[in-house]
Amino acid sequence: MVLSPTVDRQFRVARAAVFTVFALNGFLLAMWVVHIPVVTDRTGVAKSTLGMFILLMSGAGIVGMRLAGPLADRFGSRTLVGAAACFGSLAVVGPGFATGPFTLALALACFGFGNGALDVSMNTQAVHVERAYRRPIMAAFHALFSGGGLLGSLLGAAALRAGWDVRVTLVVAAVGCVALVLTLVPRLLRETASETAESPGVVASVHATELDAAPLEHDAKVSLGMGDSSGHDVMPTGSDAASTAQSPDRLDRDRSSRARATTSLDARARGRKVLALAVLAFSLLLAEGVAADWSALQLRDHLDADAATAALAFGAFSTTMTVGRFATDRVSHVFGGVAVVRYGSLLAAIGLAVIVVSPWIPLTLLGWALTGLGLAGGIPQIFSAAGNLGSRTAATDMSRVFSVGYLGLLAGPTVIGWLTAVMSLTTAMVVPILAVLLCCAYASVVATPR
């Protein structure tokens, strides 16, 4: 099928709009992060209390993810992207106006909820755009999220250096983001039920049902006296004709029963696939969370690096991850998503192993760079696979994978923190190594039906 220039332009516009939504999400998160010191000073919240509030924000985000899936399936991801992005844009103002622990906790819960809902809805929209393009483009969307975070951190730092009040900065950011969202939503794709029904998995199940119906029809003919075991039809005569007058209705009932059984089996298989994808997402995001929270400390503690040098560890990781995501789509198009997850996870395991054994700072920085490059493409492939299971509940499937993966992002740093009580931080890196090796071994899970 050759797409018309008008349709091609529609997809290009939708792709640019989704790019911008991903960047906006990263921008909003960065605007909160860079103002954390100011907000904690204004509200008098201790670091330990802030940790609990951030956990509350994460929990609210998981709730938002789980609710967003069914809502996106019912009302469409375009509608939900608009609602969640506007809600998140307005909610980012809350921490700036918080006056104490209670109001800050409430503000962060609202912001986390909006961010979680936006995560699911924008990735669901990204899957629809990727399906329209008929080639991998998911990783580039995630790269734009990182780019938006960088832009937000730079603008937030500039506002702080200029002496702007945090409330003014966040209000300006919120108004600008809401205005941007209102211009982007009409440019997103409006997915339809027929589009979902024509996805590879659904087509495969329909074909399977049709193929199963053929032997069923023959068996029914034989049992009704309309055929023989060789497959030839036998026309009934006399009283036999009367007894078979209702056979078409019976065949319809038998076909419907077989179709329902096939659908039930497909639902169970899809459930297992969603669970497997969720485990992979948990494992990869666990490793990513460990790198984000512990990379600088690992370099400082293991090799006695100063604070400025230790910060380069996360810089090396985040830089190669961002660059890698811009390149992942081309690699996936040539070699497939399974290869991206398998060999990317293997590369991340090698990078983490280098970090564990390295006696030199440059070699450790190389290890963190390899880790970032290896982890760059895995999550986009998993999310894309979750959205292309051939289900009419694609957004719900994605929300389940998202929420479990997000738990890995939270659990990874926490588990490492617990382990440091009984072993060195560097030794504890064996946990993310095992996690990414698991993904390497079971990378075939991300294969999508064709």
Protein backbone atom coordinates (compact mmCIF):
# COMPACT_ATOMS: atom_id res chain seq x y z
CA MET A 1 0.00 0.00 0.00
CA VAL A 2 1.44 3.39 -1.06
CA LEU A 3 0.59 6.25 1.26
CA SER A 4 -0.59 9.51 -0.28
CA PRO A 5 1.45 12.71 0.26
CA THR A 6 -1.38 14.10 2.43
CA VAL A 7 -1.36 11.08 4.70
CA ASP A 8 2.44 11.13 4.81
CA ARG A 9 2.36 14.74 5.93
CA GLN A 10 -0.21 13.91 8.61
CA PHE A 11 2.10 11.27 10.04
CA ARG A 12 5.10 13.60 9.94
CA VAL A 13 3.16 16.29 11.77
CA ALA A 14 1.95 13.76 14.36
CA ARG A 15 5.50 12.51 14.86
CA ALA A 16 6.77 16.05 15.47
CA ALA A 17 3.91 16.65 17.92
CA VAL A 18 4.73 13.48 19.89
CA PHE A 19 8.41 14.46 19.91
CA THR A 20 7.40 17.74 21.51
CA VAL A 21 5.18 16.03 24.10
CA PHE A 22 8.05 13.78 25.18
CA ALA A 23 10.35 16.80 25.46
CA LEU A 24 7.68 18.64 27.43
CA ASN A 25 7.44 15.76 29.90
CA GLY A 26 11.19 15.82 30.48
CA PHE A 27 11.09 19.61 30.80
CA LEU A 28 8.41 19.52 33.50
CA LEU A 29 10.31 16.94 35.56
CA ALA A 30 13.50 18.99 35.29
CA MET A 31 11.72 22.15 36.43
CA TRP A 32 10.75 20.35 39.64
CA VAL A 33 14.16 18.74 40.20
CA VAL A 34 16.24 21.91 39.82
CA HIS A 35 14.03 23.73 42.32
CA ILE A 36 14.12 21.01 45.02
CA PRO A 37 16.62 22.90 47.23
CA VAL A 38 14.56 26.10 47.08
CA VAL A 39 11.29 24.29 47.76
CA THR A 40 12.68 22.37 50.74
CA ASP A 41 14.04 25.62 52.22
CA ARG A 42 10.68 27.36 51.79
CA THR A 43 8.68 24.54 53.33
CA GLY A 44 11.18 23.55 56.04
CA VAL A 45 11.09 19.90 54.96
CA ALA A 46 14.00 17.72 56.07
CA LYS A 47 15.83 15.47 53.62
CA SER A 48 14.37 12.33 55.21
CA THR A 49 10.85 13.73 54.90
CA LEU A 50 11.51 14.76 51.31
CA GLY A 51 12.50 11.16 50.56
CA MET A 52 9.12 9.96 51.79
CA PHE A 53 7.36 12.64 49.73
CA ILE A 54 9.23 11.58 46.60
CA LEU A 55 8.15 8.01 47.28
CA LEU A 56 4.58 9.33 47.60
CA MET A 57 4.98 11.09 44.26
CA SER A 58 6.18 7.84 42.70
CA GLY A 59 3.23 5.92 44.14
CA ALA A 60 0.82 8.51 42.76
CA GLY A 61 2.58 8.14 39.41
CA ILE A 62 1.92 4.39 39.39
CA VAL A 63 -1.76 5.06 40.15
CA GLY A 64 -1.84 7.50 37.23
CA MET A 65 -0.27 4.91 34.95
CA ARG A 66 -2.76 2.21 35.87
CA LEU A 67 -5.75 4.51 35.40
CA ALA A 68 -4.45 6.02 32.17
CA GLY A 69 -4.33 2.70 30.31
CA PRO A 70 -8.06 1.88 30.35
CA LEU A 71 -8.95 5.56 29.85
CA ALA A 72 -6.73 5.78 26.76
CA ASP A 73 -8.32 2.59 25.38
CA ARG A 74 -11.78 4.05 25.90
CA PHE A 75 -11.32 7.69 24.88
CA GLY A 76 -8.18 7.52 22.75
CA SER A 77 -4.60 8.40 23.60
CA ARG A 78 -4.88 11.79 21.87
CA THR A 79 -7.54 12.95 24.31
CA LEU A 80 -5.66 11.58 27.29
CA VAL A 81 -2.35 13.12 26.22
CA GLY A 82 -4.03 16.52 26.19
CA ALA A 83 -5.70 16.03 29.58
CA ALA A 84 -2.63 14.54 31.30
CA ALA A 85 -0.19 17.06 29.83
CA CYS A 86 -2.36 20.01 30.88
CA PHE A 87 -2.84 18.53 34.34
CA GLY A 88 0.90 17.89 34.74
CA SER A 89 1.76 21.37 33.48
CA LEU A 90 -0.52 22.98 36.04
CA ALA A 91 0.54 20.60 38.83
CA VAL A 92 4.22 21.57 38.50
CA VAL A 93 3.26 24.92 40.04
CA GLY A 94 2.11 23.24 43.26
CA PRO A 95 5.50 22.63 44.91
CA GLY A 96 6.44 26.27 44.37
CA PHE A 97 3.38 27.48 46.29
CA ALA A 98 3.65 24.85 49.07
CA THR A 99 4.01 26.41 52.50
CA GLY A 100 4.60 23.33 54.63
CA PRO A 101 4.97 19.55 54.64
CA PHE A 102 1.27 18.80 54.07
CA THR A 103 0.83 21.12 51.08
CA LEU A 104 4.11 19.92 49.56
CA ALA A 105 3.04 16.28 49.90
CA LEU A 106 -0.30 17.06 48.24
CA ALA A 107 1.40 19.00 45.44
CA LEU A 108 3.88 16.22 44.73
CA ALA A 109 1.13 13.58 44.72
CA CYS A 110 -0.77 15.59 42.09
CA PHE A 111 2.34 16.14 40.01
CA GLY A 112 3.29 12.45 40.20
CA PHE A 113 -0.22 11.39 39.17
CA GLY A 114 -0.17 13.67 36.13
CA ASN A 115 3.31 12.54 35.13
CA GLY A 116 2.33 8.86 35.35
CA ALA A 117 -0.79 9.39 33.25
CA LEU A 118 1.20 11.35 30.67
CA ASP A 119 3.87 8.62 30.50
CA VAL A 120 1.35 5.98 29.46
CA SER A 121 -0.75 8.14 27.15
CA MET A 122 2.17 9.67 25.23
CA ASN A 123 3.84 6.28 24.75
CA THR A 124 0.54 4.84 23.53
CA GLN A 125 0.28 7.69 21.01
CA ALA A 126 3.92 7.06 20.04
CA VAL A 127 3.06 3.42 19.26
CA HIS A 128 0.25 4.55 16.94
CA VAL A 129 2.60 6.93 15.12
CA GLU A 130 5.28 4.23 14.88
CA ARG A 131 2.69 1.83 13.46
CA ALA A 132 1.73 4.42 10.86
CA TYR A 133 5.40 4.89 9.90
CA ARG A 134 5.86 1.11 9.64
CA ARG A 135 9.42 1.34 10.93
CA PRO A 136 11.01 1.76 14.38
CA ILE A 137 10.92 5.34 15.72
CA MET A 138 10.16 4.77 19.41
CA ALA A 139 13.69 5.27 20.74
CA ALA A 140 13.93 8.77 19.27
CA PHE A 141 10.86 9.78 21.27
CA HIS A 142 12.63 8.72 24.47
CA ALA A 143 15.74 10.61 23.40
CA LEU A 144 13.63 13.78 23.16
CA PHE A 145 12.50 13.20 26.75
CA SER A 146 16.16 13.44 27.79
CA GLY A 147 16.58 16.53 25.62
CA GLY A 148 13.59 18.16 27.30
CA GLY A 149 15.10 17.40 30.69
CA LEU A 150 18.35 19.05 29.67
CA LEU A 151 16.50 22.15 28.42
CA GLY A 152 14.48 22.35 31.64
CA SER A 153 17.57 22.07 33.83
CA LEU A 154 19.36 24.81 31.89
CA LEU A 155 16.41 27.21 31.94
CA GLY A 156 15.70 26.46 35.58
CA ALA A 157 19.32 27.10 36.51
CA ALA A 158 19.29 30.34 34.52
CA ALA A 159 16.13 31.51 36.33
CA LEU A 160 17.70 30.73 39.71
CA ARG A 161 20.88 32.58 38.78
CA ALA A 162 18.80 35.57 37.66
CA GLY A 163 17.11 35.62 41.07
CA TRP A 164 13.59 34.76 39.90
CA ASP A 165 11.14 33.67 42.56
CA VAL A 166 10.41 29.94 42.22
CA ARG A 167 6.69 30.67 41.99
CA VAL A 168 7.18 33.03 39.06
CA THR A 169 9.41 30.54 37.24
CA LEU A 170 6.98 27.66 37.65
CA VAL A 171 3.93 29.72 36.68
CA VAL A 172 5.65 30.93 33.51
CA ALA A 173 6.67 27.34 32.71
CA ALA A 174 3.15 26.06 33.35
CA VAL A 175 1.43 28.68 31.19
CA GLY A 176 3.88 28.09 28.34
CA CYS A 177 3.46 24.31 28.54
CA VAL A 178 -0.36 24.45 28.61
CA ALA A 179 -0.36 26.75 25.58
CA LEU A 180 1.99 24.38 23.78
CA VAL A 181 -0.17 21.35 24.62
CA LEU A 182 -3.29 23.04 23.24
CA THR A 183 -1.52 23.57 19.90
CA LEU A 184 -0.15 20.00 19.81
CA VAL A 185 -3.25 17.93 20.59
CA PRO A 186 -5.05 18.57 17.24
CA ARG A 187 -1.93 17.34 15.46
CA LEU A 188 -1.84 13.97 17.22
CA LEU A 189 -3.32 10.86 15.60
CA ARG A 190 -6.88 9.89 16.39
CA GLU A 191 -6.66 6.11 16.63
CA THR A 192 -9.71 4.06 15.77
CA ALA A 193 -10.98 0.61 16.68
CA SER A 194 -10.34 -0.57 13.13
CA GLU A 195 -6.70 0.44 13.39
CA THR A 196 -6.27 -1.66 16.50
CA ALA A 197 -8.15 -4.55 14.96
CA GLU A 198 -5.81 -4.52 11.96
CA SER A 199 -2.66 -4.74 14.03
CA PRO A 200 -0.56 -7.87 13.43
CA GLY A 201 -1.63 -9.83 16.47
CA VAL A 202 -5.32 -9.36 15.84
CA VAL A 203 -5.02 -10.26 12.17
CA ALA A 204 -3.15 -13.41 13.15
CA SER A 205 -5.84 -14.42 15.62
CA VAL A 206 -8.59 -13.78 13.06
CA HIS A 207 -6.76 -15.92 10.52
CA ALA A 208 -6.32 -18.63 13.12
CA THR A 209 -10.04 -18.56 13.87
CA GLU A 210 -10.90 -18.84 10.18
CA LEU A 211 -8.51 -21.76 9.74
CA ASP A 212 -9.92 -23.49 12.79
CA ALA A 213 -13.45 -22.97 11.48
CA ALA A 214 -12.79 -25.06 8.34
CA PRO A 215 -12.24 -28.44 10.05
CA LEU A 216 -15.00 -27.55 12.48
CA GLU A 217 -17.43 -27.08 9.60
CA HIS A 218 -16.41 -30.39 8.06
CA ASP A 219 -16.79 -32.20 11.40
CA ALA A 220 -20.22 -30.67 11.79
CA LYS A 221 -21.21 -31.85 8.32
CA VAL A 222 -20.13 -35.39 9.08
CA SER A 223 -21.96 -35.44 12.41
CA LEU A 224 -25.12 -34.14 10.73
CA GLY A 225 -24.95 -36.59 7.86
CA MET A 226 -23.97 -33.96 5.28
CA GLY A 227 -20.50 -35.27 4.55
CA ASP A 228 -18.24 -38.28 4.79
CA SER A 229 -14.82 -38.83 6.26
CA SER A 230 -13.15 -38.17 2.91
CA GLY A 231 -14.37 -34.59 2.90
CA HIS A 232 -17.05 -34.96 0.20
CA ASP A 233 -20.46 -33.49 0.79
CA VAL A 234 -23.41 -35.90 0.92
CA MET A 235 -26.81 -34.39 0.29
CA PRO A 236 -29.42 -35.66 2.77
CA THR A 237 -32.60 -37.22 1.47
CA GLY A 238 -36.06 -37.92 2.88
CA SER A 239 -36.35 -37.60 6.62
CA ASP A 240 -32.63 -36.75 6.86
CA ALA A 241 -33.32 -33.46 5.07
CA ALA A 242 -35.82 -32.42 7.70
CA SER A 243 -33.47 -33.32 10.53
CA THR A 244 -30.77 -31.07 9.08
CA ALA A 245 -33.00 -28.07 8.37
CA GLN A 246 -31.50 -26.15 11.30
CA SER A 247 -27.87 -27.10 10.58
CA PRO A 248 -26.77 -23.56 9.51
CA ASP A 249 -27.81 -22.20 12.92
CA ARG A 250 -25.98 -25.01 14.64
CA LEU A 251 -22.88 -24.30 12.57
CA ASP A 252 -23.06 -20.62 13.52
CA ARG A 253 -23.28 -21.56 17.18
CA ASP A 254 -20.34 -23.93 16.85
CA ARG A 255 -18.28 -21.29 15.06
CA SER A 256 -19.09 -18.70 17.73
CA SER A 257 -18.13 -21.14 20.46
CA ARG A 258 -14.81 -21.91 18.76
CA ALA A 259 -14.15 -18.18 18.22
CA ARG A 260 -14.80 -17.44 21.90
CA ALA A 261 -12.43 -20.25 22.92
CA THR A 262 -9.74 -18.89 20.58
CA THR A 263 -10.21 -15.36 21.97
CA SER A 264 -9.92 -16.68 25.52
CA LEU A 265 -6.69 -18.48 24.65
CA ASP A 266 -5.37 -15.32 22.96
CA ALA A 267 -6.19 -13.31 26.08
CA ARG A 268 -4.28 -15.73 28.28
CA ALA A 269 -1.30 -15.74 25.93
CA ARG A 270 -1.34 -11.96 25.80
CA GLY A 271 -1.43 -11.83 29.59
CA ARG A 272 1.68 -14.00 29.77
CA LYS A 273 3.38 -11.82 27.17
CA VAL A 274 2.55 -8.65 29.11
CA LEU A 275 3.95 -10.20 32.29
CA ALA A 276 7.17 -11.21 30.52
CA LEU A 277 7.60 -7.73 29.05
CA ALA A 278 6.95 -6.23 32.48
CA VAL A 279 9.73 -8.37 33.99
CA LEU A 280 12.16 -7.17 31.30
CA ALA A 281 11.12 -3.55 31.89
CA PHE A 282 11.61 -4.01 35.65
CA SER A 283 15.10 -5.42 35.11
CA LEU A 284 16.31 -2.75 32.68
CA LEU A 285 14.86 0.14 34.65
CA LEU A 286 16.37 -1.31 37.83
CA ALA A 287 19.79 -1.02 36.20
CA GLU A 288 18.98 2.47 34.91
CA GLY A 289 17.86 3.61 38.37
CA VAL A 290 21.05 2.28 39.93
CA ALA A 291 23.16 4.17 37.40
CA ALA A 292 21.24 7.42 37.90
CA ASP A 293 21.39 7.38 41.71
CA TRP A 294 24.64 5.60 42.52
CA SER A 295 27.12 6.17 39.66
CA ALA A 296 28.73 9.30 41.12
CA LEU A 297 28.95 7.80 44.62
CA GLN A 298 30.43 4.58 43.27
CA LEU A 299 33.24 6.46 41.53
CA ARG A 300 33.93 8.58 44.62
CA ASP A 301 33.91 5.69 47.10
CA HIS A 302 35.72 3.13 44.96
CA LEU A 303 38.49 5.33 43.54
CA ASP A 304 38.51 8.31 45.93
CA ALA A 305 37.52 10.74 43.17
CA ASP A 306 36.65 14.31 44.06
CA ALA A 307 33.07 15.55 43.73
CA ALA A 308 33.58 17.19 40.33
CA THR A 309 35.21 14.07 38.86
CA ALA A 310 32.61 11.77 40.41
CA ALA A 311 29.85 13.75 38.68
CA LEU A 312 31.38 12.74 35.35
CA ALA A 313 30.21 9.16 35.95
CA PHE A 314 26.55 10.09 35.58
CA GLY A 315 27.48 12.49 32.78
CA ALA A 316 29.11 9.67 30.83
CA PHE A 317 26.12 7.40 31.40
CA SER A 318 23.43 9.94 30.47
CA THR A 319 25.31 11.24 27.42
CA THR A 320 25.76 7.83 25.81
CA MET A 321 22.18 6.87 26.69
CA THR A 322 20.80 9.96 24.92
CA VAL A 323 23.04 9.52 21.88
CA GLY A 324 22.26 5.82 21.79
CA ARG A 325 18.52 6.44 21.72
CA PHE A 326 18.87 8.65 18.68
CA ALA A 327 20.71 5.82 16.92
CA THR A 328 18.60 2.90 18.20
CA ASP A 329 15.77 3.24 15.68
CA ARG A 330 18.11 2.71 12.73
CA VAL A 331 19.75 -0.26 14.42
CA SER A 332 16.36 -1.75 15.25
CA HIS A 333 15.16 -1.26 11.68
CA VAL A 334 18.14 -3.24 10.35
CA PHE A 335 18.63 -5.92 13.02
CA GLY A 336 15.29 -6.01 14.87
CA GLY A 337 14.17 -5.20 18.39
CA VAL A 338 15.27 -8.57 19.80
CA ALA A 339 18.87 -7.89 18.78
CA VAL A 340 18.73 -4.40 20.31
CA VAL A 341 17.60 -5.78 23.67
CA ARG A 342 19.89 -8.83 23.65
CA TYR A 343 23.16 -7.21 22.60
CA GLY A 344 22.39 -3.93 24.32
CA SER A 345 21.86 -5.77 27.61
CA LEU A 346 25.07 -7.70 27.02
CA LEU A 347 26.95 -4.44 26.41
CA ALA A 348 25.48 -2.99 29.62
CA ALA A 349 26.59 -6.09 31.54
CA ILE A 350 30.12 -5.68 30.15
CA GLY A 351 30.12 -2.00 31.13
CA LEU A 352 28.99 -2.79 34.68
CA ALA A 353 31.60 -5.55 34.97
CA VAL A 354 34.29 -3.06 33.89
CA ILE A 355 33.09 -0.70 36.63
CA VAL A 356 33.36 -3.42 39.27
CA VAL A 357 36.94 -4.43 38.42
CA SER A 358 38.35 -1.10 37.22
CA PRO A 359 41.27 0.37 39.20
CA TRP A 360 41.38 3.61 37.15
CA ILE A 361 39.00 6.53 36.84
CA PRO A 362 39.12 6.75 32.99
CA LEU A 363 38.32 3.04 32.71
CA THR A 364 35.42 3.40 35.17
CA LEU A 365 34.03 6.32 33.16
CA LEU A 366 34.27 4.12 30.06
CA GLY A 367 32.31 1.45 31.93
CA TRP A 368 29.51 3.89 32.76
CA ALA A 369 29.49 5.10 29.15
CA LEU A 370 29.13 1.50 27.89
CA THR A 371 26.34 0.92 30.40
CA GLY A 372 24.41 3.94 29.17
CA LEU A 373 24.87 2.93 25.54
CA GLY A 374 23.76 -0.63 26.27
CA LEU A 375 20.63 0.42 28.15
CA ALA A 376 19.66 3.10 25.62
CA GLY A 377 17.52 1.01 23.29
CA GLY A 378 15.96 -1.67 25.47
CA ILE A 379 13.08 0.15 27.13
CA PRO A 380 11.76 1.70 23.87
CA GLN A 381 11.68 -1.78 22.30
CA ILE A 382 9.79 -3.22 25.28
CA PHE A 383 7.20 -0.42 25.29
CA SER A 384 6.76 -0.71 21.53
CA ALA A 385 6.23 -4.48 21.84
CA ALA A 386 3.68 -3.94 24.62
CA GLY A 387 1.70 -1.58 22.41
CA ASN A 388 1.71 -3.94 19.43
CA LEU A 389 0.26 -7.11 20.93
CA GLY A 390 -2.74 -6.94 18.63
CA SER A 391 -5.13 -6.07 21.44
CA ARG A 392 -7.97 -3.57 21.67
CA THR A 393 -6.58 -2.78 25.13
CA ALA A 394 -3.10 -1.73 23.97
CA ALA A 395 -2.91 1.21 26.37
CA THR A 396 -3.93 -0.99 29.30
CA ASP A 397 -1.23 -3.50 28.35
CA MET A 398 1.32 -0.70 28.22
CA SER A 399 0.20 0.71 31.57
CA ARG A 400 0.84 -2.68 33.20
CA VAL A 401 4.32 -2.92 31.72
CA PHE A 402 4.98 0.72 32.66
CA SER A 403 3.93 0.40 36.28
CA VAL A 404 5.99 -2.75 36.90
CA GLY A 405 8.98 -1.22 35.13
CA TYR A 406 8.63 1.93 37.19
CA LEU A 407 8.78 -0.19 40.33
CA GLY A 408 12.16 -1.44 39.10
CA LEU A 409 13.34 2.14 38.69
CA LEU A 410 12.44 2.77 42.34
CA ALA A 411 13.53 -0.60 43.71
CA GLY A 412 16.99 -0.68 42.14
CA PRO A 413 18.52 2.24 44.07
CA THR A 414 16.74 1.12 47.26
CA VAL A 415 18.08 -2.45 47.06
CA ILE A 416 21.61 -1.16 46.44
CA GLY A 417 21.27 1.11 49.46
CA TRP A 418 20.28 -1.84 51.64
CA LEU A 419 23.15 -3.97 50.33
CA THR A 420 25.74 -1.31 51.14
CA ALA A 421 25.15 -2.13 54.81
CA VAL A 422 26.77 -5.56 54.28
CA MET A 423 29.05 -5.05 51.26
CA SER A 424 30.78 -2.31 49.30
CA LEU A 425 28.83 -0.24 46.80
CA THR A 426 30.95 -1.56 43.96
CA THR A 427 30.30 -5.19 44.95
CA ALA A 428 26.56 -4.45 45.09
CA MET A 429 26.72 -3.67 41.35
CA VAL A 430 26.36 -7.41 40.81
CA VAL A 431 22.58 -6.86 41.16
CA PRO A 432 22.18 -4.75 38.00
CA ILE A 433 24.61 -7.07 36.22
CA LEU A 434 22.33 -10.03 36.91
CA ALA A 435 19.28 -7.97 35.91
CA VAL A 436 20.63 -7.05 32.46
CA LEU A 437 21.91 -10.60 31.87
CA LEU A 438 18.34 -11.80 32.48
CA CYS A 439 17.18 -9.42 29.75
CA CYS A 440 19.91 -10.68 27.45
CA ALA A 441 18.77 -14.27 27.94
CA TYR A 442 15.06 -13.56 27.39
CA ALA A 443 15.28 -10.81 24.79
CA SER A 444 13.10 -12.82 22.38
CA VAL A 445 10.09 -11.76 24.45
CA VAL A 446 10.05 -8.41 22.62
CA ALA A 447 9.44 -10.07 19.26
CA THR A 448 6.12 -8.87 17.86
CA PRO A 449 3.68 -10.97 15.78
CA ARG A 450 3.86 -10.50 12.02
